[in-house]
Amino acid sequence: MKLLVTFSSKEGKRPIIAQVVRDTGVLVNVERAMIESNEGEALIDIPEESCRIVKDRLTELGAAVRILEDEILLDETECVDCGACISICPQEVFSFDREFKLQMDAKRCVLCGRCIEICPHRALSRKGEL
């Protein structure tokens, strides 16, 4: 399960993700992070059964947490299998099958949104957040 963790510069100076790992014993995979002078954001992946405990502990430490599920959607009726998303994706989420039909492995996605921006037919979009 993917969690989007947002924090201010005050919390960003503390190792809150490391603290959560230590406190909960849940291993966290940081898939994407952006830290600026006054705020930060990290996309983390955790086991689904540990979602509530990790989310609660991050919140206690001052972070805002959103649970993300199935964020990028592929509209196969709009897709022309051009491969633009393949060329831009940093995680190799997209590929062609033997018939050169576009395939998507959503579990690899880090929700950067590059594929949405580049798709010439607007066949890719974001699903709502929980």
C-alpha atoms as a PDB file:
ATOM      1  CA  MET A   1       0.000   0.000   0.000  1.00  0.00           C
ATOM      2  CA  LYS A   2       1.262   3.452  -0.879  1.00  0.00           C
ATOM      3  CA  LEU A   3       1.181   6.366   1.545  1.00  0.00           C
ATOM      4  CA  LEU A   4       1.909   9.973   0.618  1.00  0.00           C
ATOM      5  CA  VAL A   5       3.616  11.604   3.601  1.00  0.00           C
ATOM      6  CA  THR A   6       3.787  15.411   3.742  1.00  0.00           C
ATOM      7  CA  PHE A   7       5.630  17.371   6.407  1.00  0.00           C
ATOM      8  CA  SER A   8       6.868  20.875   7.222  1.00  0.00           C
ATOM      9  CA  SER A   9      10.534  21.828   7.457  1.00  0.00           C
ATOM     10  CA  LYS A  10      10.420  21.304  11.238  1.00  0.00           C
ATOM     11  CA  GLU A  11       9.438  17.652  10.871  1.00  0.00           C
ATOM     12  CA  GLY A  12      11.678  17.270   7.813  1.00  0.00           C
ATOM     13  CA  LYS A  13      14.763  17.847   9.934  1.00  0.00           C
ATOM     14  CA  ARG A  14      13.917  14.806  12.040  1.00  0.00           C
ATOM     15  CA  PRO A  15      14.207  11.246  10.726  1.00  0.00           C
ATOM     16  CA  ILE A  16      10.490  10.513  11.099  1.00  0.00           C
ATOM     17  CA  ILE A  17      10.372   7.624   8.641  1.00  0.00           C
ATOM     18  CA  ALA A  18      13.294   5.956  10.406  1.00  0.00           C
ATOM     19  CA  GLN A  19      11.529   6.597  13.711  1.00  0.00           C
ATOM     20  CA  VAL A  20       8.366   4.893  12.411  1.00  0.00           C
ATOM     21  CA  VAL A  21      10.357   1.867  11.250  1.00  0.00           C
ATOM     22  CA  ARG A  22      12.006   1.606  14.666  1.00  0.00           C
ATOM     23  CA  ASP A  23       8.776   2.110  16.621  1.00  0.00           C
ATOM     24  CA  THR A  24       6.533  -0.185  14.571  1.00  0.00           C
ATOM     25  CA  GLY A  25       8.990  -2.725  13.202  1.00  0.00           C
ATOM     26  CA  VAL A  26       7.423  -2.255   9.748  1.00  0.00           C
ATOM     27  CA  LEU A  27       9.878  -2.014   6.866  1.00  0.00           C
ATOM     28  CA  VAL A  28       9.222   1.005   4.661  1.00  0.00           C
ATOM     29  CA  ASN A  29      10.228   1.386   1.025  1.00  0.00           C
ATOM     30  CA  VAL A  30      10.688   5.048   0.036  1.00  0.00           C
ATOM     31  CA  GLU A  31       9.696   5.161  -3.634  1.00  0.00           C
ATOM     32  CA  ARG A  32       9.952   8.902  -4.181  1.00  0.00           C
ATOM     33  CA  ALA A  33      10.896  11.880  -2.018  1.00  0.00           C
ATOM     34  CA  MET A  34      11.131  15.626  -2.480  1.00  0.00           C
ATOM     35  CA  ILE A  35      12.480  17.793   0.319  1.00  0.00           C
ATOM     36  CA  GLU A  36      12.527  21.587   0.016  1.00  0.00           C
ATOM     37  CA  SER A  37      13.447  24.346   2.463  1.00  0.00           C
ATOM     38  CA  ASN A  38       9.974  24.692   3.971  1.00  0.00           C
ATOM     39  CA  GLU A  39       8.252  21.373   3.263  1.00  0.00           C
ATOM     40  CA  GLY A  40       8.705  17.837   2.072  1.00  0.00           C
ATOM     41  CA  GLU A  41       6.857  14.917   0.612  1.00  0.00           C
ATOM     42  CA  ALA A  42       7.647  11.215   0.442  1.00  0.00           C
ATOM     43  CA  LEU A  43       5.840   8.377  -1.255  1.00  0.00           C
ATOM     44  CA  ILE A  44       6.313   5.211   0.754  1.00  0.00           C
ATOM     45  CA  ASP A  45       5.223   1.635   0.176  1.00  0.00           C
ATOM     46  CA  ILE A  46       4.316  -0.588   3.109  1.00  0.00           C
ATOM     47  CA  PRO A  47       2.543  -3.912   3.601  1.00  0.00           C
ATOM     48  CA  GLU A  48      -1.232  -3.402   3.505  1.00  0.00           C
ATOM     49  CA  GLU A  49      -1.760  -5.047   6.896  1.00  0.00           C
ATOM     50  CA  SER A  50       0.533  -2.446   8.502  1.00  0.00           C
ATOM     51  CA  CYS A  51      -1.117   0.602   6.961  1.00  0.00           C
ATOM     52  CA  ARG A  52      -3.081   1.791   9.977  1.00  0.00           C
ATOM     53  CA  ILE A  53      -0.229   1.504  12.494  1.00  0.00           C
ATOM     54  CA  VAL A  54       2.262   3.270  10.201  1.00  0.00           C
ATOM     55  CA  LYS A  55      -0.211   6.010   9.270  1.00  0.00           C
ATOM     56  CA  ASP A  56      -1.102   6.619  12.924  1.00  0.00           C
ATOM     57  CA  ARG A  57       2.548   6.814  14.011  1.00  0.00           C
ATOM     58  CA  LEU A  58       3.474   9.208  11.191  1.00  0.00           C
ATOM     59  CA  THR A  59       0.549  11.419  12.179  1.00  0.00           C
ATOM     60  CA  GLU A  60       1.662  11.377  15.825  1.00  0.00           C
ATOM     61  CA  LEU A  61       5.086  12.586  14.674  1.00  0.00           C
ATOM     62  CA  GLY A  62       3.522  15.568  12.874  1.00  0.00           C
ATOM     63  CA  ALA A  63       3.215  14.387   9.280  1.00  0.00           C
ATOM     64  CA  ALA A  64       0.100  14.516   7.113  1.00  0.00           C
ATOM     65  CA  VAL A  65      -0.607  11.127   5.526  1.00  0.00           C
ATOM     66  CA  ARG A  66      -2.833  10.151   2.603  1.00  0.00           C
ATOM     67  CA  ILE A  67      -3.479   6.557   1.547  1.00  0.00           C
ATOM     68  CA  LEU A  68      -3.181   6.122  -2.218  1.00  0.00           C
ATOM     69  CA  GLU A  69      -4.615   3.209  -4.170  1.00  0.00           C
ATOM     70  CA  ASP A  70      -4.619   2.437  -7.906  1.00  0.00           C
ATOM     71  CA  GLU A  71      -3.583   5.975  -8.707  1.00  0.00           C
ATOM     72  CA  ILE A  72      -2.837   5.772 -12.454  1.00  0.00           C
ATOM     73  CA  LEU A  73      -5.585   4.501 -14.743  1.00  0.00           C
ATOM     74  CA  LEU A  74      -5.231   3.417 -18.380  1.00  0.00           C
ATOM     75  CA  ASP A  75      -8.247   3.979 -20.624  1.00  0.00           C
ATOM     76  CA  GLU A  76      -7.750   1.264 -23.223  1.00  0.00           C
ATOM     77  CA  THR A  77     -10.404   2.794 -25.488  1.00  0.00           C
ATOM     78  CA  GLU A  78      -8.289   5.972 -25.801  1.00  0.00           C
ATOM     79  CA  CYS A  79      -4.847   4.340 -25.874  1.00  0.00           C
ATOM     80  CA  VAL A  80      -3.295   3.968 -29.352  1.00  0.00           C
ATOM     81  CA  ASP A  81      -0.290   1.974 -28.063  1.00  0.00           C
ATOM     82  CA  CYS A  82       2.159   4.693 -29.138  1.00  0.00           C
ATOM     83  CA  GLY A  83       4.646   3.977 -26.338  1.00  0.00           C
ATOM     84  CA  ALA A  84       5.184   7.576 -25.219  1.00  0.00           C
ATOM     85  CA  CYS A  85       4.601   6.481 -21.619  1.00  0.00           C
ATOM     86  CA  ILE A  86       7.221   3.748 -21.971  1.00  0.00           C
ATOM     87  CA  SER A  87       9.886   6.262 -22.903  1.00  0.00           C
ATOM     88  CA  ILE A  88       9.166   8.648 -20.004  1.00  0.00           C
ATOM     89  CA  CYS A  89       8.469   6.247 -17.117  1.00  0.00           C
ATOM     90  CA  PRO A  90      11.363   5.995 -14.630  1.00  0.00           C
ATOM     91  CA  GLN A  91      10.059   2.715 -13.144  1.00  0.00           C
ATOM     92  CA  GLU A  92       9.324   0.686 -16.289  1.00  0.00           C
ATOM     93  CA  VAL A  93       5.626   0.511 -15.446  1.00  0.00           C
ATOM     94  CA  PHE A  94       4.680   0.277 -19.126  1.00  0.00           C
ATOM     95  CA  SER A  95       5.737  -2.247 -21.753  1.00  0.00           C
ATOM     96  CA  PHE A  96       4.538  -3.820 -24.976  1.00  0.00           C
ATOM     97  CA  ASP A  97       3.343  -7.406 -25.214  1.00  0.00           C
ATOM     98  CA  ARG A  98       4.144  -9.591 -28.238  1.00  0.00           C
ATOM     99  CA  GLU A  99       1.387  -7.932 -30.279  1.00  0.00           C
ATOM    100  CA  PHE A 100       2.722  -4.443 -29.374  1.00  0.00           C
ATOM    101  CA  LYS A 101      -0.263  -3.782 -27.129  1.00  0.00           C
ATOM    102  CA  LEU A 102       0.544  -1.566 -24.167  1.00  0.00           C
ATOM    103  CA  GLN A 103       0.713  -3.316 -20.789  1.00  0.00           C
ATOM    104  CA  MET A 104       0.825  -1.644 -17.365  1.00  0.00           C
ATOM    105  CA  ASP A 105       2.278  -2.981 -14.102  1.00  0.00           C
ATOM    106  CA  ALA A 106       0.679  -0.573 -11.604  1.00  0.00           C
ATOM    107  CA  LYS A 107       2.565  -2.031  -8.636  1.00  0.00           C
ATOM    108  CA  ARG A 108       5.815  -0.555 -10.001  1.00  0.00           C
ATOM    109  CA  CYS A 109       4.332   2.956 -10.249  1.00  0.00           C
ATOM    110  CA  VAL A 110       5.736   5.708  -8.012  1.00  0.00           C
ATOM    111  CA  LEU A 111       2.970   8.153  -8.991  1.00  0.00           C
ATOM    112  CA  CYS A 112       5.271  10.758 -10.546  1.00  0.00           C
ATOM    113  CA  GLY A 113       2.637  11.619 -13.168  1.00  0.00           C
ATOM    114  CA  ARG A 114       5.059  11.946 -16.079  1.00  0.00           C
ATOM    115  CA  CYS A 115       3.086   9.432 -18.132  1.00  0.00           C
ATOM    116  CA  ILE A 116      -0.114  11.456 -17.744  1.00  0.00           C
ATOM    117  CA  GLU A 117       1.578  14.624 -18.945  1.00  0.00           C
ATOM    118  CA  ILE A 118       3.122  13.020 -22.023  1.00  0.00           C
ATOM    119  CA  CYS A 119       0.219  10.866 -23.235  1.00  0.00           C
ATOM    120  CA  PRO A 120      -0.931  12.413 -26.537  1.00  0.00           C
ATOM    121  CA  HIS A 121      -4.397  10.810 -26.334  1.00  0.00           C
ATOM    122  CA  ARG A 122      -5.016  11.470 -22.637  1.00  0.00           C
ATOM    123  CA  ALA A 123      -5.465   7.751 -22.076  1.00  0.00           C
ATOM    124  CA  LEU A 124      -3.789   7.962 -18.672  1.00  0.00           C
ATOM    125  CA  SER A 125      -5.304   9.679 -15.653  1.00  0.00           C
ATOM    126  CA  ARG A 126      -5.252   9.746 -11.866  1.00  0.00           C
ATOM    127  CA  LYS A 127      -7.832   7.907  -9.841  1.00  0.00           C
ATOM    128  CA  GLY A 128      -9.202   9.618  -6.742  1.00  0.00           C
ATOM    129  CA  GLU A 129      -7.380   9.382  -3.439  1.00  0.00           C
ATOM    130  CA  LEU A 130      -8.750   7.685  -0.345  1.00  0.00           C
END
